[in-house]
PDB file of N, CA and C in Angstrom:
ATOM      1  N   MET A   1      13.711  -0.540 -23.238  1.00  0.00           N
ATOM      2  CA  MET A   1      12.700  -1.965 -23.207  1.00  0.00           C
ATOM      3  C   MET A   1      12.698  -2.664 -23.817  1.00  0.00           C
ATOM      4  N   SER A   2      12.327  -3.913 -23.209  1.00  0.00           N
ATOM      5  CA  SER A   2      12.585  -5.110 -24.067  1.00  0.00           C
ATOM      6  C   SER A   2      11.919  -5.153 -24.692  1.00  0.00           C
ATOM      7  N   THR A   3      12.113  -6.105 -25.920  1.00  0.00           N
ATOM      8  CA  THR A   3      11.244  -7.172 -26.896  1.00  0.00           C
ATOM      9  C   THR A   3      10.604  -8.327 -27.284  1.00  0.00           C
ATOM     10  N   LEU A   4      10.793  -8.621 -25.364  1.00  0.00           N
ATOM     11  CA  LEU A   4      10.312 -10.643 -25.090  1.00  0.00           C
ATOM     12  C   LEU A   4       8.261 -10.027 -25.601  1.00  0.00           C
ATOM     13  N   THR A   5       7.970 -11.165 -25.726  1.00  0.00           N
ATOM     14  CA  THR A   5       6.284 -11.392 -25.590  1.00  0.00           C
ATOM     15  C   THR A   5       6.103 -12.587 -25.764  1.00  0.00           C
ATOM     16  N   SER A   6       4.720 -12.345 -25.305  1.00  0.00           N
ATOM     17  CA  SER A   6       4.082 -14.003 -24.988  1.00  0.00           C
ATOM     18  C   SER A   6       3.945 -14.999 -26.223  1.00  0.00           C
ATOM     19  N   GLN A   7       4.368 -14.339 -27.300  1.00  0.00           N
ATOM     20  CA  GLN A   7       4.011 -14.843 -28.693  1.00  0.00           C
ATOM     21  C   GLN A   7       5.729 -16.310 -28.519  1.00  0.00           C
ATOM     22  N   GLU A   8       6.511 -16.085 -27.860  1.00  0.00           N
ATOM     23  CA  GLU A   8       7.586 -16.280 -28.096  1.00  0.00           C
ATOM     24  C   GLU A   8       7.149 -17.902 -27.741  1.00  0.00           C
ATOM     25  N   PRO A   9       7.903 -19.171 -28.801  1.00  0.00           N
ATOM     26  CA  PRO A   9       7.757 -20.154 -28.128  1.00  0.00           C
ATOM     27  C   PRO A   9       8.392 -20.639 -26.733  1.00  0.00           C
ATOM     28  N   CYS A  10       7.927 -21.695 -26.146  1.00  0.00           N
ATOM     29  CA  CYS A  10       8.437 -21.948 -24.710  1.00  0.00           C
ATOM     30  C   CYS A  10      10.041 -22.323 -25.028  1.00  0.00           C
ATOM     31  N   LYS A  11      11.140 -21.916 -24.159  1.00  0.00           N
ATOM     32  CA  LYS A  11      12.346 -21.791 -24.463  1.00  0.00           C
ATOM     33  C   LYS A  11      12.791 -22.181 -23.019  1.00  0.00           C
ATOM     34  N   VAL A  12      14.277 -22.463 -22.697  1.00  0.00           N
ATOM     35  CA  VAL A  12      14.927 -22.393 -21.668  1.00  0.00           C
ATOM     36  C   VAL A  12      15.756 -20.810 -21.653  1.00  0.00           C
ATOM     37  N   TYR A  13      16.008 -20.418 -20.347  1.00  0.00           N
ATOM     38  CA  TYR A  13      16.305 -19.043 -21.076  1.00  0.00           C
ATOM     39  C   TYR A  13      17.303 -19.113 -20.046  1.00  0.00           C
ATOM     40  N   GLN A  14      18.785 -18.421 -20.142  1.00  0.00           N
ATOM     41  CA  GLN A  14      19.611 -17.864 -19.633  1.00  0.00           C
ATOM     42  C   GLN A  14      19.697 -16.622 -18.869  1.00  0.00           C
ATOM     43  N   PHE A  15      18.688 -17.020 -17.547  1.00  0.00           N
ATOM     44  CA  PHE A  15      18.733 -15.880 -16.427  1.00  0.00           C
ATOM     45  C   PHE A  15      19.679 -15.304 -16.121  1.00  0.00           C
ATOM     46  N   GLN A  16      21.282 -15.754 -15.957  1.00  0.00           N
ATOM     47  CA  GLN A  16      22.380 -15.046 -15.141  1.00  0.00           C
ATOM     48  C   GLN A  16      22.677 -14.176 -16.932  1.00  0.00           C
ATOM     49  N   SER A  17      22.312 -14.444 -18.098  1.00  0.00           N
ATOM     50  CA  SER A  17      23.254 -13.389 -18.969  1.00  0.00           C
ATOM     51  C   SER A  17      21.655 -11.938 -19.009  1.00  0.00           C
ATOM     52  N   MET A  18      20.766 -12.272 -18.224  1.00  0.00           N
ATOM     53  CA  MET A  18      19.684 -11.193 -18.677  1.00  0.00           C
ATOM     54  C   MET A  18      19.479 -10.263 -17.670  1.00  0.00           C
ATOM     55  N   THR A  19      18.688  -9.026 -18.169  1.00  0.00           N
ATOM     56  CA  THR A  19      18.575  -7.931 -17.159  1.00  0.00           C
ATOM     57  C   THR A  19      17.730  -8.495 -16.384  1.00  0.00           C
ATOM     58  N   ASP A  20      17.495  -7.836 -15.066  1.00  0.00           N
ATOM     59  CA  ASP A  20      16.363  -8.131 -14.057  1.00  0.00           C
ATOM     60  C   ASP A  20      15.016  -7.457 -14.513  1.00  0.00           C
ATOM     61  N   GLU A  21      15.660  -6.491 -15.796  1.00  0.00           N
ATOM     62  CA  GLU A  21      14.052  -5.640 -16.307  1.00  0.00           C
ATOM     63  C   GLU A  21      13.874  -6.591 -17.162  1.00  0.00           C
ATOM     64  N   ASP A  22      14.371  -7.833 -18.505  1.00  0.00           N
ATOM     65  CA  ASP A  22      14.060  -8.675 -19.069  1.00  0.00           C
ATOM     66  C   ASP A  22      13.156  -9.646 -18.655  1.00  0.00           C
ATOM     67  N   ILE A  23      13.744 -10.327 -17.181  1.00  0.00           N
ATOM     68  CA  ILE A  23      13.398 -11.152 -17.212  1.00  0.00           C
ATOM     69  C   ILE A  23      11.520 -10.897 -16.513  1.00  0.00           C
ATOM     70  N   VAL A  24      11.430  -9.577 -15.830  1.00  0.00           N
ATOM     71  CA  VAL A  24      10.042  -9.396 -15.149  1.00  0.00           C
ATOM     72  C   VAL A  24       9.622  -8.784 -16.603  1.00  0.00           C
ATOM     73  N   GLU A  25       9.873  -8.612 -17.354  1.00  0.00           N
ATOM     74  CA  GLU A  25       8.806  -8.583 -18.897  1.00  0.00           C
ATOM     75  C   GLU A  25       8.746 -10.167 -19.419  1.00  0.00           C
ATOM     76  N   LEU A  26       9.281 -11.232 -19.112  1.00  0.00           N
ATOM     77  CA  LEU A  26       8.954 -12.636 -19.330  1.00  0.00           C
ATOM     78  C   LEU A  26       8.063 -13.293 -18.404  1.00  0.00           C
ATOM     79  N   ALA A  27       8.325 -12.461 -16.953  1.00  0.00           N
ATOM     80  CA  ALA A  27       7.453 -12.802 -15.969  1.00  0.00           C
ATOM     81  C   ALA A  27       5.910 -11.789 -16.085  1.00  0.00           C
ATOM     82  N   LYS A  28       5.886 -10.755 -17.140  1.00  0.00           N
ATOM     83  CA  LYS A  28       5.124 -10.257 -17.241  1.00  0.00           C
ATOM     84  C   LYS A  28       4.213 -10.703 -18.173  1.00  0.00           C
ATOM     85  N   CYS A  29       4.615 -11.547 -19.142  1.00  0.00           N
ATOM     86  CA  CYS A  29       4.022 -12.525 -20.474  1.00  0.00           C
ATOM     87  C   CYS A  29       3.719 -13.590 -19.722  1.00  0.00           C
ATOM     88  N   GLY A  30       3.569 -14.204 -18.518  1.00  0.00           N
ATOM     89  CA  GLY A  30       2.913 -15.310 -18.119  1.00  0.00           C
ATOM     90  C   GLY A  30       4.204 -16.616 -17.925  1.00  0.00           C
ATOM     91  N   ARG A  31       5.406 -16.137 -17.960  1.00  0.00           N
ATOM     92  CA  ARG A  31       6.503 -17.382 -17.706  1.00  0.00           C
ATOM     93  C   ARG A  31       6.592 -17.261 -16.464  1.00  0.00           C
ATOM     94  N   GLU A  32       5.785 -18.787 -15.798  1.00  0.00           N
ATOM     95  CA  GLU A  32       6.081 -18.863 -14.572  1.00  0.00           C
ATOM     96  C   GLU A  32       7.330 -18.895 -14.228  1.00  0.00           C
ATOM     97  N   ILE A  33       8.495 -19.302 -14.762  1.00  0.00           N
ATOM     98  CA  ILE A  33      10.007 -19.589 -14.502  1.00  0.00           C
ATOM     99  C   ILE A  33      10.356 -18.454 -14.072  1.00  0.00           C
ATOM    100  N   ALA A  34      10.324 -17.421 -14.768  1.00  0.00           N
ATOM    101  CA  ALA A  34      10.775 -15.940 -14.653  1.00  0.00           C
ATOM    102  C   ALA A  34      10.527 -15.544 -13.643  1.00  0.00           C
ATOM    103  N   LEU A  35       9.627 -15.764 -13.205  1.00  0.00           N
ATOM    104  CA  LEU A  35       8.159 -15.147 -11.943  1.00  0.00           C
ATOM    105  C   LEU A  35       9.635 -16.111 -10.666  1.00  0.00           C
ATOM    106  N   GLU A  36       9.433 -17.053 -10.886  1.00  0.00           N
ATOM    107  CA  GLU A  36      10.316 -18.357 -10.163  1.00  0.00           C
ATOM    108  C   GLU A  36      11.309 -17.707  -9.451  1.00  0.00           C
ATOM    109  N   HIS A  37      11.962 -17.272 -10.861  1.00  0.00           N
ATOM    110  CA  HIS A  37      13.464 -16.928 -10.287  1.00  0.00           C
ATOM    111  C   HIS A  37      13.707 -15.777 -10.272  1.00  0.00           C
ATOM    112  N   LEU A  38      12.770 -14.988 -10.275  1.00  0.00           N
ATOM    113  CA  LEU A  38      13.045 -13.511  -9.321  1.00  0.00           C
ATOM    114  C   LEU A  38      12.900 -13.393  -7.616  1.00  0.00           C
ATOM    115  N   ILE A  39      11.754 -14.218  -7.490  1.00  0.00           N
ATOM    116  CA  ILE A  39      11.802 -14.608  -6.328  1.00  0.00           C
ATOM    117  C   ILE A  39      12.625 -15.484  -5.714  1.00  0.00           C
ATOM    118  N   ASN A  40      12.923 -16.359  -5.989  1.00  0.00           N
ATOM    119  CA  ASN A  40      14.179 -17.315  -5.250  1.00  0.00           C
ATOM    120  C   ASN A  40      15.355 -16.211  -5.299  1.00  0.00           C
ATOM    121  N   LYS A  41      15.485 -15.530  -6.849  1.00  0.00           N
ATOM    122  CA  LYS A  41      16.593 -13.929  -6.501  1.00  0.00           C
ATOM    123  C   LYS A  41      16.652 -13.568  -5.296  1.00  0.00           C
ATOM    124  N   TYR A  42      15.603 -12.911  -4.707  1.00  0.00           N
ATOM    125  CA  TYR A  42      15.536 -11.311  -3.969  1.00  0.00           C
ATOM    126  C   TYR A  42      15.193 -12.467  -2.779  1.00  0.00           C
ATOM    127  N   LYS A  43      14.626 -13.542  -2.245  1.00  0.00           N
ATOM    128  CA  LYS A  43      14.153 -13.648  -1.348  1.00  0.00           C
ATOM    129  C   LYS A  43      15.092 -13.597   0.120  1.00  0.00           C
ATOM    130  N   ASN A  44      16.203 -13.587  -0.360  1.00  0.00           N
ATOM    131  CA  ASN A  44      17.176 -13.245   0.839  1.00  0.00           C
ATOM    132  C   ASN A  44      17.684 -12.389   1.307  1.00  0.00           C
ATOM    133  N   PHE A  45      17.162 -11.402   0.072  1.00  0.00           N
ATOM    134  CA  PHE A  45      17.445 -10.293   0.170  1.00  0.00           C
ATOM    135  C   PHE A  45      15.801  -9.766   1.148  1.00  0.00           C
ATOM    136  N   VAL A  46      14.953 -10.582   0.987  1.00  0.00           N
ATOM    137  CA  VAL A  46      13.938 -10.091   1.730  1.00  0.00           C
ATOM    138  C   VAL A  46      13.587 -10.240   3.309  1.00  0.00           C
ATOM    139  N   ARG A  47      14.037 -11.602   3.301  1.00  0.00           N
ATOM    140  CA  ARG A  47      14.419 -11.896   4.735  1.00  0.00           C
ATOM    141  C   ARG A  47      15.305 -10.681   5.334  1.00  0.00           C
ATOM    142  N   ALA A  48      16.357 -10.112   4.375  1.00  0.00           N
ATOM    143  CA  ALA A  48      17.459  -9.724   5.281  1.00  0.00           C
ATOM    144  C   ALA A  48      16.679  -8.457   6.117  1.00  0.00           C
ATOM    145  N   LYS A  49      15.689  -7.729   5.009  1.00  0.00           N
ATOM    146  CA  LYS A  49      15.164  -6.344   5.290  1.00  0.00           C
ATOM    147  C   LYS A  49      13.898  -6.782   6.479  1.00  0.00           C
ATOM    148  N   ALA A  50      13.255  -7.822   6.621  1.00  0.00           N
ATOM    149  CA  ALA A  50      12.718  -8.027   7.241  1.00  0.00           C
ATOM    150  C   ALA A  50      13.038  -8.166   8.572  1.00  0.00           C
ATOM    151  N   ARG A  51      14.047  -8.828   8.550  1.00  0.00           N
ATOM    152  CA  ARG A  51      14.770  -8.851   9.994  1.00  0.00           C
ATOM    153  C   ARG A  51      14.577  -7.458  10.537  1.00  0.00           C
ATOM    154  N   SER A  52      15.645  -6.328  10.095  1.00  0.00           N
ATOM    155  CA  SER A  52      15.622  -4.824  10.310  1.00  0.00           C
ATOM    156  C   SER A  52      13.867  -4.387  10.783  1.00  0.00           C
ATOM    157  N   TYR A  53      12.692  -5.318  10.441  1.00  0.00           N
ATOM    158  CA  TYR A  53      11.660  -4.344  10.735  1.00  0.00           C
ATOM    159  C   TYR A  53      11.030  -5.261  11.550  1.00  0.00           C
ATOM    160  N   PHE A  54      11.941  -5.991  11.752  1.00  0.00           N
ATOM    161  CA  PHE A  54      11.145  -6.896  13.734  1.00  0.00           C
ATOM    162  C   PHE A  54      10.313  -6.220  14.298  1.00  0.00           C
ATOM    163  N   LEU A  55       8.799  -6.664  14.489  1.00  0.00           N
ATOM    164  CA  LEU A  55       8.304  -5.368  15.588  1.00  0.00           C
ATOM    165  C   LEU A  55       7.843  -6.760  16.859  1.00  0.00           C
ATOM    166  N   ILE A  56       8.571  -6.025  17.840  1.00  0.00           N
ATOM    167  CA  ILE A  56       7.622  -6.871  19.366  1.00  0.00           C
ATOM    168  C   ILE A  56       6.692  -7.396  18.936  1.00  0.00           C
ATOM    169  N   GLY A  57       6.102  -8.401  19.287  1.00  0.00           N
ATOM    170  CA  GLY A  57       5.075  -9.064  19.193  1.00  0.00           C
ATOM    171  C   GLY A  57       4.591  -9.729  17.493  1.00  0.00           C
ATOM    172  N   ALA A  58       4.950  -9.684  16.712  1.00  0.00           N
ATOM    173  CA  ALA A  58       4.549  -9.518  15.471  1.00  0.00           C
ATOM    174  C   ALA A  58       5.766 -10.985  15.476  1.00  0.00           C
ATOM    175  N   ASP A  59       5.216 -11.989  14.338  1.00  0.00           N
ATOM    176  CA  ASP A  59       5.872 -13.183  14.026  1.00  0.00           C
ATOM    177  C   ASP A  59       6.867 -12.649  12.705  1.00  0.00           C
ATOM    178  N   ARG A  60       7.922 -13.414  12.976  1.00  0.00           N
ATOM    179  CA  ARG A  60       8.942 -12.863  11.966  1.00  0.00           C
ATOM    180  C   ARG A  60       8.851 -13.417  10.363  1.00  0.00           C
ATOM    181  N   GLU A  61       7.733 -14.754  10.344  1.00  0.00           N
ATOM    182  CA  GLU A  61       7.570 -15.115   9.426  1.00  0.00           C
ATOM    183  C   GLU A  61       6.495 -14.371   8.678  1.00  0.00           C
ATOM    184  N   ASP A  62       5.424 -13.827   9.480  1.00  0.00           N
ATOM    185  CA  ASP A  62       4.692 -12.413   8.884  1.00  0.00           C
ATOM    186  C   ASP A  62       5.622 -11.227   8.137  1.00  0.00           C
ATOM    187  N   ILE A  63       6.237 -11.378   8.869  1.00  0.00           N
ATOM    188  CA  ILE A  63       6.596  -9.778   8.272  1.00  0.00           C
ATOM    189  C   ILE A  63       7.573 -10.352   7.084  1.00  0.00           C
ATOM    190  N   ILE A  64       8.740 -11.353   6.762  1.00  0.00           N
ATOM    191  CA  ILE A  64       8.777 -12.015   5.134  1.00  0.00           C
ATOM    192  C   ILE A  64       7.322 -11.980   4.699  1.00  0.00           C
ATOM    193  N   GLN A  65       6.443 -12.973   4.657  1.00  0.00           N
ATOM    194  CA  GLN A  65       5.557 -12.759   4.029  1.00  0.00           C
ATOM    195  C   GLN A  65       4.824 -12.043   3.564  1.00  0.00           C
ATOM    196  N   GLU A  66       4.692 -10.536   4.732  1.00  0.00           N
ATOM    197  CA  GLU A  66       4.660  -9.193   3.492  1.00  0.00           C
ATOM    198  C   GLU A  66       5.538  -8.963   3.135  1.00  0.00           C
ATOM    199  N   GLY A  67       6.804  -9.054   3.097  1.00  0.00           N
ATOM    200  CA  GLY A  67       8.152  -9.028   2.196  1.00  0.00           C
ATOM    201  C   GLY A  67       8.013  -9.101   0.754  1.00  0.00           C
ATOM    202  N   MET A  68       7.691 -10.580   1.263  1.00  0.00           N
ATOM    203  CA  MET A  68       7.422 -11.441   0.134  1.00  0.00           C
ATOM    204  C   MET A  68       6.549 -11.005  -1.149  1.00  0.00           C
ATOM    205  N   ILE A  69       5.142 -10.574  -0.280  1.00  0.00           N
ATOM    206  CA  ILE A  69       3.952 -10.317  -1.279  1.00  0.00           C
ATOM    207  C   ILE A  69       4.190  -8.876  -1.762  1.00  0.00           C
ATOM    208  N   GLY A  70       5.016  -7.800  -1.779  1.00  0.00           N
ATOM    209  CA  GLY A  70       5.698  -6.605  -1.861  1.00  0.00           C
ATOM    210  C   GLY A  70       6.437  -6.999  -2.873  1.00  0.00           C
ATOM    211  N   LEU A  71       7.010  -8.348  -3.063  1.00  0.00           N
ATOM    212  CA  LEU A  71       7.914  -8.465  -4.167  1.00  0.00           C
ATOM    213  C   LEU A  71       7.475  -8.936  -5.278  1.00  0.00           C
ATOM    214  N   TYR A  72       6.650  -9.760  -4.761  1.00  0.00           N
ATOM    215  CA  TYR A  72       5.595  -9.916  -5.920  1.00  0.00           C
ATOM    216  C   TYR A  72       5.188  -8.942  -6.986  1.00  0.00           C
ATOM    217  N   LYS A  73       4.018  -8.237  -6.088  1.00  0.00           N
ATOM    218  CA  LYS A  73       3.714  -6.627  -6.275  1.00  0.00           C
ATOM    219  C   LYS A  73       4.770  -6.118  -7.128  1.00  0.00           C
ATOM    220  N   ALA A  74       5.845  -5.712  -6.610  1.00  0.00           N
ATOM    221  CA  ALA A  74       7.086  -4.784  -7.455  1.00  0.00           C
ATOM    222  C   ALA A  74       7.127  -5.653  -8.514  1.00  0.00           C
ATOM    223  N   ILE A  75       7.396  -6.729  -8.715  1.00  0.00           N
ATOM    224  CA  ILE A  75       7.327  -7.748 -10.072  1.00  0.00           C
ATOM    225  C   ILE A  75       6.245  -7.532 -11.414  1.00  0.00           C
ATOM    226  N   ARG A  76       5.146  -7.454 -10.463  1.00  0.00           N
ATOM    227  CA  ARG A  76       3.699  -7.326 -10.893  1.00  0.00           C
ATOM    228  C   ARG A  76       3.578  -6.403 -12.066  1.00  0.00           C
ATOM    229  N   ASP A  77       4.108  -5.119 -10.576  1.00  0.00           N
ATOM    230  CA  ASP A  77       3.564  -3.692 -11.454  1.00  0.00           C
ATOM    231  C   ASP A  77       5.090  -3.118 -11.791  1.00  0.00           C
ATOM    232  N   PHE A  78       5.906  -3.311 -12.064  1.00  0.00           N
ATOM    233  CA  PHE A  78       6.994  -2.975 -12.729  1.00  0.00           C
ATOM    234  C   PHE A  78       6.793  -2.371 -13.998  1.00  0.00           C
ATOM    235  N   ARG A  79       7.518  -1.157 -14.363  1.00  0.00           N
ATOM    236  CA  ARG A  79       7.229  -0.585 -15.644  1.00  0.00           C
ATOM    237  C   ARG A  79       8.802  -0.136 -15.874  1.00  0.00           C
ATOM    238  N   GLY A  80       9.204  -0.495 -17.027  1.00  0.00           N
ATOM    239  CA  GLY A  80      10.467  -0.209 -17.583  1.00  0.00           C
ATOM    240  C   GLY A  80      10.737   0.957 -17.646  1.00  0.00           C
ATOM    241  N   ASP A  81       9.703   1.967 -18.134  1.00  0.00           N
ATOM    242  CA  ASP A  81       9.885   3.714 -18.480  1.00  0.00           C
ATOM    243  C   ASP A  81       9.866   4.468 -18.142  1.00  0.00           C
ATOM    244  N   LYS A  82       9.288   4.127 -16.187  1.00  0.00           N
ATOM    245  CA  LYS A  82       9.293   5.120 -15.146  1.00  0.00           C
ATOM    246  C   LYS A  82      11.504   4.754 -14.606  1.00  0.00           C
ATOM    247  N   LEU A  83      11.343   5.751 -14.139  1.00  0.00           N
ATOM    248  CA  LEU A  83      12.562   5.860 -13.742  1.00  0.00           C
ATOM    249  C   LEU A  83      12.607   5.793 -12.039  1.00  0.00           C
ATOM    250  N   SER A  84      13.165   5.483 -11.282  1.00  0.00           N
ATOM    251  CA  SER A  84      13.350   5.663 -10.199  1.00  0.00           C
ATOM    252  C   SER A  84      13.815   6.568  -9.576  1.00  0.00           C
ATOM    253  N   SER A  85      13.317   7.488  -8.200  1.00  0.00           N
ATOM    254  CA  SER A  85      14.009   8.766  -7.692  1.00  0.00           C
ATOM    255  C   SER A  85      14.087   8.600  -6.905  1.00  0.00           C
TER     256      SER A  85
END
């Protein structure tokens, strides 16, 4: 678990050298740049997944938007102490 806190002074983060878990912790502490980094990092993945869920009659952009909302919620609700199964 990360020791990052919202009390840290504003600084430039080297996201490439950080784990996603640490970046999520920064985002959860209110660091907008960390949230933006994660969204930009995974938006192409969301788009690719949205293509596989395309439904006849559904707007492609609506499906992508739902995926981006899911990504945001996953970042918001992430708990590093829980293992995925």
